[in-house]
């Protein structure tokens, strides 16, 4: 990386850290992000299938990776932003990527294992997130759409859920074939 870009990146990180430290940390928005994240993780820990604990946990981490990666791409290209962060040095720990979406997608996968039921549940989930959740997060200044809209959000989340289901089913099938229990 050339020195001009390195200086710009370092300057941006310093500005982000200063903003976070002096305006976000322990603010109402920061506490909201923390509480929502903990609430979703608590619900997940209560509802997780103990018989398939390791596999469902794997589904959660795959969901976290897929959703977080898509989110990083969207932020990189300036499609949306999160005005407030739980931790400034990683954007993966915002409420949406860290807790809400991975938990919801994982629980849908857990409770609706057949494709038909999964498609119905995931369609409803994607619509609720896109057309109710996103406007709420915008209203409370936890999310900002720049070059994006709720319909694109619906399509992206829906596609991500299909990818997650396909990958997890493939892993499960391979696991059963090999006789290994996860």
N, C-alpha and C. Protein backbone atom coordinates (compact mmCIF):
# COMPACT_ATOMS: atom_id res chain seq x y z
N UNK A 1 0.86 -1.18 0.00
CA UNK A 1 0.00 0.00 0.00
C UNK A 1 0.90 1.23 0.00
N UNK A 2 0.60 2.19 -0.81
CA UNK A 2 1.48 3.36 -0.83
C UNK A 2 1.25 4.23 0.40
N UNK A 3 2.22 5.08 0.66
CA UNK A 3 2.20 5.86 1.90
C UNK A 3 1.02 6.83 1.98
N UNK A 4 0.55 7.36 0.87
CA UNK A 4 -0.58 8.29 0.89
C UNK A 4 -1.84 7.58 1.38
N UNK A 5 -2.07 6.38 0.85
CA UNK A 5 -3.24 5.61 1.29
C UNK A 5 -3.10 5.21 2.75
N UNK A 6 -1.90 4.78 3.15
CA UNK A 6 -1.66 4.39 4.55
C UNK A 6 -1.94 5.56 5.49
N UNK A 7 -1.49 6.75 5.12
CA UNK A 7 -1.73 7.94 5.95
C UNK A 7 -3.22 8.26 6.03
N UNK A 8 -3.91 8.14 4.90
CA UNK A 8 -5.35 8.40 4.87
C UNK A 8 -6.10 7.40 5.73
N UNK A 9 -5.74 6.12 5.60
CA UNK A 9 -6.39 5.07 6.41
C UNK A 9 -6.12 5.32 7.89
N UNK A 10 -4.86 5.61 8.24
CA UNK A 10 -4.52 5.86 9.64
C UNK A 10 -5.28 7.08 10.17
N UNK A 11 -5.37 8.12 9.37
CA UNK A 11 -6.09 9.33 9.77
C UNK A 11 -7.58 9.03 9.97
N UNK A 12 -8.14 8.25 9.07
CA UNK A 12 -9.55 7.85 9.18
C UNK A 12 -9.78 7.04 10.46
N UNK A 13 -8.89 6.08 10.72
CA UNK A 13 -9.03 5.27 11.93
C UNK A 13 -8.92 6.12 13.19
N UNK A 14 -8.01 7.07 13.18
CA UNK A 14 -7.87 7.95 14.34
C UNK A 14 -9.13 8.79 14.55
N UNK A 15 -9.70 9.28 13.46
CA UNK A 15 -10.94 10.07 13.56
C UNK A 15 -12.10 9.19 14.05
N UNK A 16 -12.19 7.97 13.52
CA UNK A 16 -13.25 7.04 13.96
C UNK A 16 -13.10 6.73 15.45
N UNK A 17 -11.86 6.47 15.88
CA UNK A 17 -11.62 6.15 17.28
C UNK A 17 -11.97 7.33 18.18
N UNK A 18 -11.59 8.52 17.78
CA UNK A 18 -11.90 9.71 18.56
C UNK A 18 -13.41 9.92 18.65
N UNK A 19 -14.09 9.79 17.53
CA UNK A 19 -15.56 9.92 17.51
C UNK A 19 -16.19 8.89 18.44
N UNK A 20 -15.74 7.65 18.34
CA UNK A 20 -16.30 6.57 19.16
C UNK A 20 -16.03 6.83 20.65
N UNK A 21 -14.80 7.18 20.97
CA UNK A 21 -14.41 7.37 22.37
C UNK A 21 -15.14 8.54 23.01
N UNK A 22 -15.29 9.63 22.29
CA UNK A 22 -15.86 10.85 22.87
C UNK A 22 -17.36 11.01 22.67
N UNK A 23 -17.94 10.26 21.70
CA UNK A 23 -19.36 10.47 21.42
C UNK A 23 -20.20 9.19 21.47
N UNK A 24 -19.60 8.03 21.17
CA UNK A 24 -20.37 6.78 21.12
C UNK A 24 -20.28 5.96 22.39
N UNK A 25 -19.06 5.75 22.88
CA UNK A 25 -18.85 4.87 24.02
C UNK A 25 -19.71 5.31 25.21
N UNK A 26 -20.53 4.40 25.69
CA UNK A 26 -21.44 4.60 26.82
C UNK A 26 -22.59 5.58 26.53
N UNK A 27 -22.78 5.91 25.26
CA UNK A 27 -23.93 6.75 24.89
C UNK A 27 -25.19 5.88 24.86
N UNK A 28 -26.34 6.49 24.70
CA UNK A 28 -27.60 5.74 24.60
C UNK A 28 -27.56 4.76 23.43
N UNK A 29 -26.99 5.18 22.30
CA UNK A 29 -26.88 4.30 21.14
C UNK A 29 -25.98 3.10 21.45
N UNK A 30 -24.86 3.36 22.11
CA UNK A 30 -23.93 2.29 22.47
C UNK A 30 -24.61 1.28 23.38
N UNK A 31 -25.32 1.78 24.39
CA UNK A 31 -26.03 0.88 25.31
C UNK A 31 -27.13 0.11 24.58
N UNK A 32 -27.81 0.75 23.65
CA UNK A 32 -28.85 0.06 22.87
C UNK A 32 -28.25 -1.09 22.07
N UNK A 33 -27.12 -0.84 21.43
CA UNK A 33 -26.44 -1.89 20.65
C UNK A 33 -26.04 -3.04 21.57
N UNK A 34 -25.46 -2.71 22.71
CA UNK A 34 -25.03 -3.75 23.66
C UNK A 34 -26.22 -4.56 24.17
N UNK A 35 -27.28 -3.89 24.58
CA UNK A 35 -28.45 -4.58 25.14
C UNK A 35 -29.15 -5.43 24.08
N UNK A 36 -29.32 -4.90 22.89
CA UNK A 36 -29.97 -5.68 21.82
C UNK A 36 -29.12 -6.92 21.50
N UNK A 37 -27.81 -6.74 21.40
CA UNK A 37 -26.92 -7.87 21.11
C UNK A 37 -27.02 -8.93 22.20
N UNK A 38 -26.94 -8.51 23.45
CA UNK A 38 -27.01 -9.46 24.56
C UNK A 38 -28.37 -10.14 24.62
N UNK A 39 -29.43 -9.39 24.34
CA UNK A 39 -30.77 -9.96 24.35
C UNK A 39 -30.91 -11.07 23.29
N UNK A 40 -30.46 -10.79 22.07
CA UNK A 40 -30.54 -11.80 21.01
C UNK A 40 -29.66 -13.01 21.32
N UNK A 41 -28.47 -12.77 21.86
CA UNK A 41 -27.60 -13.89 22.21
C UNK A 41 -28.18 -14.72 23.36
N UNK A 42 -28.86 -14.06 24.30
CA UNK A 42 -29.51 -14.79 25.40
C UNK A 42 -30.65 -15.64 24.87
N UNK A 43 -31.47 -15.08 23.99
CA UNK A 43 -32.56 -15.84 23.38
C UNK A 43 -31.99 -17.05 22.63
N UNK A 44 -30.91 -16.81 21.90
CA UNK A 44 -30.27 -17.90 21.16
C UNK A 44 -29.79 -19.00 22.10
N UNK A 45 -29.16 -18.61 23.18
CA UNK A 45 -28.64 -19.62 24.12
C UNK A 45 -29.77 -20.41 24.79
N UNK A 46 -30.92 -19.80 24.94
CA UNK A 46 -32.08 -20.50 25.52
C UNK A 46 -32.71 -21.44 24.50
N UNK A 47 -32.81 -21.00 23.25
CA UNK A 47 -33.54 -21.75 22.24
C UNK A 47 -32.70 -22.74 21.43
N UNK A 48 -31.38 -22.69 21.57
CA UNK A 48 -30.53 -23.56 20.77
C UNK A 48 -30.83 -25.03 21.10
N UNK A 49 -30.91 -25.84 20.07
CA UNK A 49 -31.18 -27.27 20.19
C UNK A 49 -29.96 -27.94 20.84
N UNK A 50 -30.13 -28.40 22.06
CA UNK A 50 -29.02 -29.01 22.80
C UNK A 50 -28.59 -30.35 22.19
N UNK A 51 -29.49 -31.00 21.48
CA UNK A 51 -29.16 -32.27 20.84
C UNK A 51 -28.21 -32.06 19.65
N UNK A 52 -28.34 -30.93 19.01
CA UNK A 52 -27.51 -30.60 17.84
C UNK A 52 -26.67 -29.36 18.11
N UNK A 53 -26.26 -29.19 19.35
CA UNK A 53 -25.59 -27.97 19.80
C UNK A 53 -24.42 -27.56 18.90
N UNK A 54 -23.48 -28.46 18.66
CA UNK A 54 -22.30 -28.09 17.88
C UNK A 54 -22.66 -27.74 16.44
N UNK A 55 -23.57 -28.49 15.85
CA UNK A 55 -23.94 -28.20 14.47
C UNK A 55 -24.68 -26.86 14.37
N UNK A 56 -25.60 -26.60 15.28
CA UNK A 56 -26.34 -25.33 15.25
C UNK A 56 -25.40 -24.17 15.53
N UNK A 57 -24.42 -24.39 16.39
CA UNK A 57 -23.41 -23.36 16.63
C UNK A 57 -22.60 -23.10 15.35
N UNK A 58 -22.31 -24.17 14.59
CA UNK A 58 -21.63 -24.02 13.31
C UNK A 58 -22.50 -23.20 12.35
N UNK A 59 -23.80 -23.47 12.33
CA UNK A 59 -24.73 -22.70 11.49
C UNK A 59 -24.66 -21.22 11.88
N UNK A 60 -24.61 -20.95 13.19
CA UNK A 60 -24.51 -19.56 13.66
C UNK A 60 -23.23 -18.90 13.12
N UNK A 61 -22.11 -19.59 13.21
CA UNK A 61 -20.85 -19.00 12.76
C UNK A 61 -20.82 -18.83 11.24
N UNK A 62 -21.42 -19.76 10.51
CA UNK A 62 -21.52 -19.59 9.06
C UNK A 62 -22.41 -18.39 8.74
N UNK A 63 -23.51 -18.24 9.46
CA UNK A 63 -24.40 -17.08 9.28
C UNK A 63 -23.66 -15.79 9.60
N UNK A 64 -22.93 -15.80 10.69
CA UNK A 64 -22.14 -14.64 11.11
C UNK A 64 -21.14 -14.26 10.02
N UNK A 65 -20.47 -15.26 9.45
CA UNK A 65 -19.48 -15.01 8.41
C UNK A 65 -20.12 -14.48 7.13
N UNK A 66 -21.17 -15.13 6.66
CA UNK A 66 -21.81 -14.73 5.39
C UNK A 66 -22.42 -13.34 5.52
N UNK A 67 -23.21 -13.13 6.57
CA UNK A 67 -23.87 -11.83 6.75
C UNK A 67 -22.85 -10.74 7.01
N UNK A 68 -21.86 -11.04 7.83
CA UNK A 68 -20.82 -10.05 8.11
C UNK A 68 -20.01 -9.69 6.88
N UNK A 69 -19.72 -10.68 6.04
CA UNK A 69 -18.96 -10.42 4.81
C UNK A 69 -19.76 -9.55 3.84
N UNK A 70 -21.05 -9.88 3.68
CA UNK A 70 -21.90 -9.05 2.82
C UNK A 70 -21.99 -7.62 3.36
N UNK A 71 -22.08 -7.51 4.67
CA UNK A 71 -22.16 -6.19 5.28
C UNK A 71 -20.88 -5.39 5.06
N UNK A 72 -19.73 -6.06 5.19
CA UNK A 72 -18.45 -5.38 4.95
C UNK A 72 -18.37 -4.89 3.51
N UNK A 73 -18.83 -5.70 2.57
CA UNK A 73 -18.82 -5.31 1.15
C UNK A 73 -19.70 -4.08 0.95
N UNK A 74 -20.90 -4.10 1.52
CA UNK A 74 -21.81 -2.96 1.38
C UNK A 74 -21.25 -1.69 1.98
N UNK A 75 -20.62 -1.81 3.16
CA UNK A 75 -20.02 -0.63 3.78
C UNK A 75 -18.83 -0.13 2.98
N UNK A 76 -18.02 -1.06 2.46
CA UNK A 76 -16.85 -0.67 1.67
C UNK A 76 -17.25 0.14 0.46
N UNK A 77 -18.33 -0.27 -0.20
CA UNK A 77 -18.78 0.44 -1.40
C UNK A 77 -19.73 1.59 -1.10
N UNK A 78 -19.89 1.93 0.17
CA UNK A 78 -20.67 3.10 0.55
C UNK A 78 -22.17 2.95 0.34
N UNK A 79 -22.68 1.73 0.44
CA UNK A 79 -24.11 1.51 0.26
C UNK A 79 -24.89 1.83 1.53
N UNK A 80 -24.28 1.60 2.68
CA UNK A 80 -24.91 1.89 3.96
C UNK A 80 -23.82 2.11 5.01
N UNK A 81 -24.23 2.56 6.17
CA UNK A 81 -23.28 2.82 7.26
C UNK A 81 -23.98 2.62 8.59
N UNK A 82 -23.17 2.42 9.60
CA UNK A 82 -23.65 2.33 10.98
C UNK A 82 -23.06 3.52 11.73
N UNK A 83 -23.88 4.50 12.06
CA UNK A 83 -23.36 5.71 12.72
C UNK A 83 -22.77 5.44 14.10
N UNK A 84 -23.14 4.34 14.73
CA UNK A 84 -22.67 4.03 16.08
C UNK A 84 -22.18 2.59 16.12
N UNK A 85 -21.10 2.36 16.84
CA UNK A 85 -20.51 1.03 16.93
C UNK A 85 -20.33 0.60 18.38
N UNK A 86 -20.46 -0.70 18.61
CA UNK A 86 -20.15 -1.26 19.93
C UNK A 86 -18.65 -1.20 20.15
N UNK A 87 -17.89 -1.65 19.16
CA UNK A 87 -16.43 -1.60 19.19
C UNK A 87 -15.97 -0.92 17.91
N UNK A 88 -15.08 0.03 18.04
CA UNK A 88 -14.68 0.83 16.88
C UNK A 88 -13.73 0.08 15.95
N UNK A 89 -12.94 -0.84 16.49
CA UNK A 89 -11.91 -1.48 15.67
C UNK A 89 -12.42 -2.65 14.84
N UNK A 90 -13.65 -3.04 15.01
CA UNK A 90 -14.24 -4.06 14.16
C UNK A 90 -15.70 -3.73 13.91
N UNK A 91 -16.07 -3.68 12.67
CA UNK A 91 -17.45 -3.37 12.33
C UNK A 91 -18.33 -4.61 12.38
N UNK A 92 -17.75 -5.77 12.57
CA UNK A 92 -18.52 -7.00 12.63
C UNK A 92 -19.31 -7.12 13.93
N UNK A 93 -18.99 -6.30 14.91
CA UNK A 93 -19.71 -6.37 16.17
C UNK A 93 -20.77 -5.30 16.28
N UNK A 94 -21.36 -4.93 15.14
CA UNK A 94 -22.55 -4.08 15.23
C UNK A 94 -23.73 -5.01 15.51
N UNK A 95 -24.80 -4.48 15.95
CA UNK A 95 -25.94 -5.29 16.38
C UNK A 95 -26.46 -6.21 15.30
N UNK A 96 -26.52 -5.71 14.09
CA UNK A 96 -27.12 -6.48 13.00
C UNK A 96 -26.27 -7.69 12.65
N UNK A 97 -24.96 -7.48 12.42
CA UNK A 97 -24.10 -8.59 12.01
C UNK A 97 -23.80 -9.56 13.14
N UNK A 98 -23.60 -9.03 14.31
CA UNK A 98 -23.14 -9.86 15.42
C UNK A 98 -24.26 -10.66 16.05
N UNK A 99 -25.43 -10.10 16.14
CA UNK A 99 -26.47 -10.77 16.90
C UNK A 99 -27.76 -10.98 16.13
N UNK A 100 -28.41 -9.94 15.74
CA UNK A 100 -29.78 -10.06 15.23
C UNK A 100 -29.89 -11.03 14.06
N UNK A 101 -29.21 -10.74 12.96
CA UNK A 101 -29.39 -11.57 11.77
C UNK A 101 -28.83 -12.98 11.91
N UNK A 102 -27.61 -13.15 12.40
CA UNK A 102 -27.14 -14.54 12.57
C UNK A 102 -28.01 -15.37 13.51
N UNK A 103 -28.48 -14.78 14.58
CA UNK A 103 -29.34 -15.51 15.51
C UNK A 103 -30.65 -15.89 14.83
N UNK A 104 -31.26 -14.93 14.15
CA UNK A 104 -32.55 -15.20 13.52
C UNK A 104 -32.42 -16.25 12.40
N UNK A 105 -31.41 -16.11 11.56
CA UNK A 105 -31.21 -17.08 10.47
C UNK A 105 -30.92 -18.46 11.05
N UNK A 106 -30.11 -18.52 12.08
CA UNK A 106 -29.78 -19.81 12.70
C UNK A 106 -31.01 -20.47 13.32
N UNK A 107 -31.83 -19.69 14.00
CA UNK A 107 -33.04 -20.27 14.61
C UNK A 107 -34.04 -20.71 13.54
N UNK A 108 -34.13 -19.97 12.45
CA UNK A 108 -34.99 -20.41 11.35
C UNK A 108 -34.46 -21.72 10.78
N UNK A 109 -33.16 -21.81 10.61
CA UNK A 109 -32.56 -23.05 10.11
C UNK A 109 -32.85 -24.20 11.08
N UNK A 110 -32.72 -23.93 12.35
CA UNK A 110 -32.94 -24.97 13.37
C UNK A 110 -34.37 -25.48 13.38
N UNK A 111 -35.33 -24.57 13.32
CA UNK A 111 -36.74 -24.95 13.46
C UNK A 111 -37.41 -25.34 12.14
N UNK A 112 -36.86 -24.92 11.03
CA UNK A 112 -37.47 -25.21 9.72
C UNK A 112 -36.42 -25.88 8.83
N UNK A 113 -36.16 -27.14 9.07
CA UNK A 113 -35.07 -27.82 8.37
C UNK A 113 -35.42 -28.22 6.94
N UNK A 114 -36.68 -28.48 6.64
CA UNK A 114 -37.06 -28.81 5.26
C UNK A 114 -37.08 -27.53 4.43
N UNK A 115 -36.63 -27.65 3.18
CA UNK A 115 -36.50 -26.49 2.31
C UNK A 115 -37.80 -25.71 2.16
N UNK A 116 -38.91 -26.40 1.98
CA UNK A 116 -40.18 -25.69 1.77
C UNK A 116 -40.52 -24.80 2.96
N UNK A 117 -40.45 -25.36 4.15
CA UNK A 117 -40.76 -24.59 5.35
C UNK A 117 -39.73 -23.50 5.59
N UNK A 118 -38.47 -23.83 5.31
CA UNK A 118 -37.41 -22.83 5.46
C UNK A 118 -37.67 -21.63 4.54
N UNK A 119 -38.06 -21.92 3.29
CA UNK A 119 -38.32 -20.82 2.35
C UNK A 119 -39.45 -19.91 2.83
N UNK A 120 -40.51 -20.51 3.33
CA UNK A 120 -41.62 -19.69 3.86
C UNK A 120 -41.15 -18.85 5.05
N UNK A 121 -40.52 -19.51 6.02
CA UNK A 121 -40.09 -18.80 7.23
C UNK A 121 -39.05 -17.74 6.90
N UNK A 122 -38.12 -18.07 6.03
CA UNK A 122 -37.06 -17.12 5.70
C UNK A 122 -37.60 -15.94 4.88
N UNK A 123 -38.59 -16.18 4.03
CA UNK A 123 -39.21 -15.08 3.28
C UNK A 123 -39.88 -14.10 4.24
N UNK A 124 -40.63 -14.64 5.19
CA UNK A 124 -41.29 -13.79 6.19
C UNK A 124 -40.25 -13.04 7.01
N UNK A 125 -39.22 -13.74 7.45
CA UNK A 125 -38.14 -13.13 8.24
C UNK A 125 -37.47 -12.00 7.46
N UNK A 126 -37.12 -12.27 6.19
CA UNK A 126 -36.45 -11.26 5.37
C UNK A 126 -37.33 -10.03 5.18
N UNK A 127 -38.62 -10.25 4.98
CA UNK A 127 -39.55 -9.13 4.81
C UNK A 127 -39.67 -8.31 6.10
N UNK A 128 -39.76 -8.98 7.22
CA UNK A 128 -39.87 -8.27 8.51
C UNK A 128 -38.61 -7.44 8.76
N UNK A 129 -37.45 -8.04 8.53
CA UNK A 129 -36.19 -7.30 8.74
C UNK A 129 -36.11 -6.11 7.79
N UNK A 130 -36.40 -6.36 6.50
CA UNK A 130 -36.24 -5.30 5.49
C UNK A 130 -37.25 -4.17 5.62
N UNK A 131 -38.49 -4.52 5.90
CA UNK A 131 -39.55 -3.50 5.83
C UNK A 131 -40.03 -3.00 7.19
N UNK A 132 -39.58 -3.65 8.25
CA UNK A 132 -39.89 -3.16 9.60
C UNK A 132 -38.61 -2.86 10.38
N UNK A 133 -37.69 -3.84 10.39
CA UNK A 133 -36.45 -3.68 11.14
C UNK A 133 -35.57 -2.55 10.64
N UNK A 134 -35.34 -2.50 9.34
CA UNK A 134 -34.49 -1.45 8.78
C UNK A 134 -35.06 -0.06 9.07
N UNK A 135 -36.36 0.18 8.82
CA UNK A 135 -36.88 1.51 9.16
C UNK A 135 -36.74 1.85 10.65
N UNK A 136 -36.90 0.87 11.53
CA UNK A 136 -36.71 1.13 12.96
C UNK A 136 -35.27 1.50 13.27
N UNK A 137 -34.33 0.77 12.69
CA UNK A 137 -32.93 1.08 12.93
C UNK A 137 -32.56 2.45 12.35
N UNK A 138 -33.16 2.80 11.23
CA UNK A 138 -32.93 4.14 10.66
C UNK A 138 -33.51 5.20 11.59
N UNK A 139 -34.73 4.98 12.07
CA UNK A 139 -35.39 5.95 12.95
C UNK A 139 -34.56 6.21 14.21
N UNK A 140 -33.94 5.16 14.75
CA UNK A 140 -33.16 5.31 15.99
C UNK A 140 -31.68 5.56 15.72
N UNK A 141 -31.36 5.89 14.46
CA UNK A 141 -30.00 6.27 14.06
C UNK A 141 -28.96 5.19 14.34
N UNK A 142 -29.35 3.94 14.14
CA UNK A 142 -28.42 2.83 14.27
C UNK A 142 -27.98 2.31 12.90
N UNK A 143 -28.64 2.78 11.86
CA UNK A 143 -28.36 2.34 10.50
C UNK A 143 -28.66 3.50 9.56
N UNK A 144 -27.84 3.63 8.52
CA UNK A 144 -28.03 4.72 7.56
C UNK A 144 -27.86 4.16 6.16
N UNK A 145 -28.90 4.27 5.34
CA UNK A 145 -28.82 3.85 3.94
C UNK A 145 -28.29 5.00 3.11
N UNK A 146 -27.29 4.71 2.28
CA UNK A 146 -26.69 5.75 1.45
C UNK A 146 -27.12 5.54 -0.01
N UNK A 147 -26.68 4.46 -0.59
CA UNK A 147 -27.08 4.09 -1.96
C UNK A 147 -27.75 2.72 -1.90
N UNK A 148 -28.79 2.63 -1.16
CA UNK A 148 -29.44 1.35 -0.87
C UNK A 148 -30.90 1.60 -0.61
N UNK A 149 -31.71 0.56 -0.62
CA UNK A 149 -33.11 0.71 -0.21
C UNK A 149 -33.58 -0.58 0.45
N UNK A 150 -34.74 -0.56 1.01
CA UNK A 150 -35.24 -1.69 1.77
C UNK A 150 -35.46 -2.92 0.90
N UNK A 151 -35.88 -2.72 -0.35
CA UNK A 151 -36.09 -3.86 -1.24
C UNK A 151 -34.78 -4.58 -1.53
N UNK A 152 -33.71 -3.82 -1.77
CA UNK A 152 -32.39 -4.44 -1.96
C UNK A 152 -31.97 -5.19 -0.70
N UNK A 153 -32.29 -4.60 0.45
CA UNK A 153 -31.99 -5.27 1.72
C UNK A 153 -32.71 -6.60 1.83
N UNK A 154 -33.98 -6.60 1.43
CA UNK A 154 -34.76 -7.84 1.43
C UNK A 154 -34.11 -8.88 0.52
N UNK A 155 -33.78 -8.49 -0.70
CA UNK A 155 -33.19 -9.43 -1.66
C UNK A 155 -31.84 -9.97 -1.17
N UNK A 156 -31.02 -9.09 -0.61
CA UNK A 156 -29.70 -9.50 -0.13
C UNK A 156 -29.82 -10.47 1.05
N UNK A 157 -30.66 -10.13 2.00
CA UNK A 157 -30.85 -11.02 3.15
C UNK A 157 -31.44 -12.35 2.71
N UNK A 158 -32.39 -12.30 1.80
CA UNK A 158 -33.00 -13.53 1.31
C UNK A 158 -31.96 -14.42 0.63
N UNK A 159 -31.14 -13.84 -0.24
CA UNK A 159 -30.09 -14.60 -0.92
C UNK A 159 -29.07 -15.15 0.08
N UNK A 160 -28.71 -14.35 1.07
CA UNK A 160 -27.77 -14.81 2.10
C UNK A 160 -28.33 -16.01 2.84
N UNK A 161 -29.61 -15.96 3.19
CA UNK A 161 -30.24 -17.07 3.88
C UNK A 161 -30.27 -18.34 3.05
N UNK A 162 -30.49 -18.20 1.74
CA UNK A 162 -30.46 -19.36 0.85
C UNK A 162 -29.06 -19.96 0.79
N UNK A 163 -28.05 -19.10 0.70
CA UNK A 163 -26.67 -19.57 0.69
C UNK A 163 -26.33 -20.29 1.99
N UNK A 164 -26.71 -19.71 3.09
CA UNK A 164 -26.44 -20.32 4.40
C UNK A 164 -27.12 -21.68 4.50
N UNK A 165 -28.37 -21.77 4.10
CA UNK A 165 -29.10 -23.05 4.13
C UNK A 165 -28.40 -24.08 3.25
N UNK A 166 -28.03 -23.69 2.04
CA UNK A 166 -27.38 -24.62 1.11
C UNK A 166 -26.05 -25.14 1.69
N UNK A 167 -25.21 -24.23 2.19
CA UNK A 167 -23.91 -24.61 2.74
C UNK A 167 -24.08 -25.52 3.96
N UNK A 168 -24.96 -25.15 4.86
CA UNK A 168 -25.16 -25.93 6.09
C UNK A 168 -25.75 -27.31 5.78
N UNK A 169 -26.68 -27.36 4.83
CA UNK A 169 -27.23 -28.66 4.44
C UNK A 169 -26.15 -29.54 3.81
N UNK A 170 -25.28 -28.95 3.00
CA UNK A 170 -24.20 -29.70 2.38
C UNK A 170 -23.25 -30.25 3.44
N UNK A 171 -22.93 -29.45 4.43
CA UNK A 171 -22.07 -29.90 5.53
C UNK A 171 -22.75 -31.03 6.30
N UNK A 172 -24.02 -30.85 6.58
CA UNK A 172 -24.80 -31.86 7.32
C UNK A 172 -24.84 -33.18 6.55
N UNK A 173 -25.06 -33.09 5.24
CA UNK A 173 -25.12 -34.28 4.39
C UNK A 173 -23.77 -35.01 4.39
N UNK A 174 -22.71 -34.25 4.25
CA UNK A 174 -21.36 -34.82 4.26
C UNK A 174 -21.06 -35.45 5.61
N UNK A 175 -21.50 -34.79 6.67
CA UNK A 175 -21.29 -35.27 8.03
C UNK A 175 -22.00 -36.61 8.23
N UNK A 176 -23.24 -36.70 7.78
CA UNK A 176 -24.01 -37.95 7.92
C UNK A 176 -23.38 -39.06 7.09
N UNK A 177 -22.91 -38.70 5.89
CA UNK A 177 -22.30 -39.68 5.00
C UNK A 177 -21.04 -40.28 5.62
N UNK A 178 -20.26 -39.44 6.28
CA UNK A 178 -19.01 -39.90 6.88
C UNK A 178 -19.22 -40.57 8.24
N UNK A 179 -20.43 -40.46 8.77
CA UNK A 179 -20.73 -41.06 10.07
C UNK A 179 -20.23 -40.24 11.24
N UNK A 180 -19.70 -39.07 10.96
CA UNK A 180 -19.21 -38.19 12.01
C UNK A 180 -20.38 -37.38 12.57
N UNK A 181 -20.49 -37.33 13.88
CA UNK A 181 -21.60 -36.58 14.48
C UNK A 181 -21.09 -35.27 15.04
N UNK A 182 -21.66 -34.20 14.57
CA UNK A 182 -21.27 -32.86 15.02
C UNK A 182 -22.37 -32.27 15.83
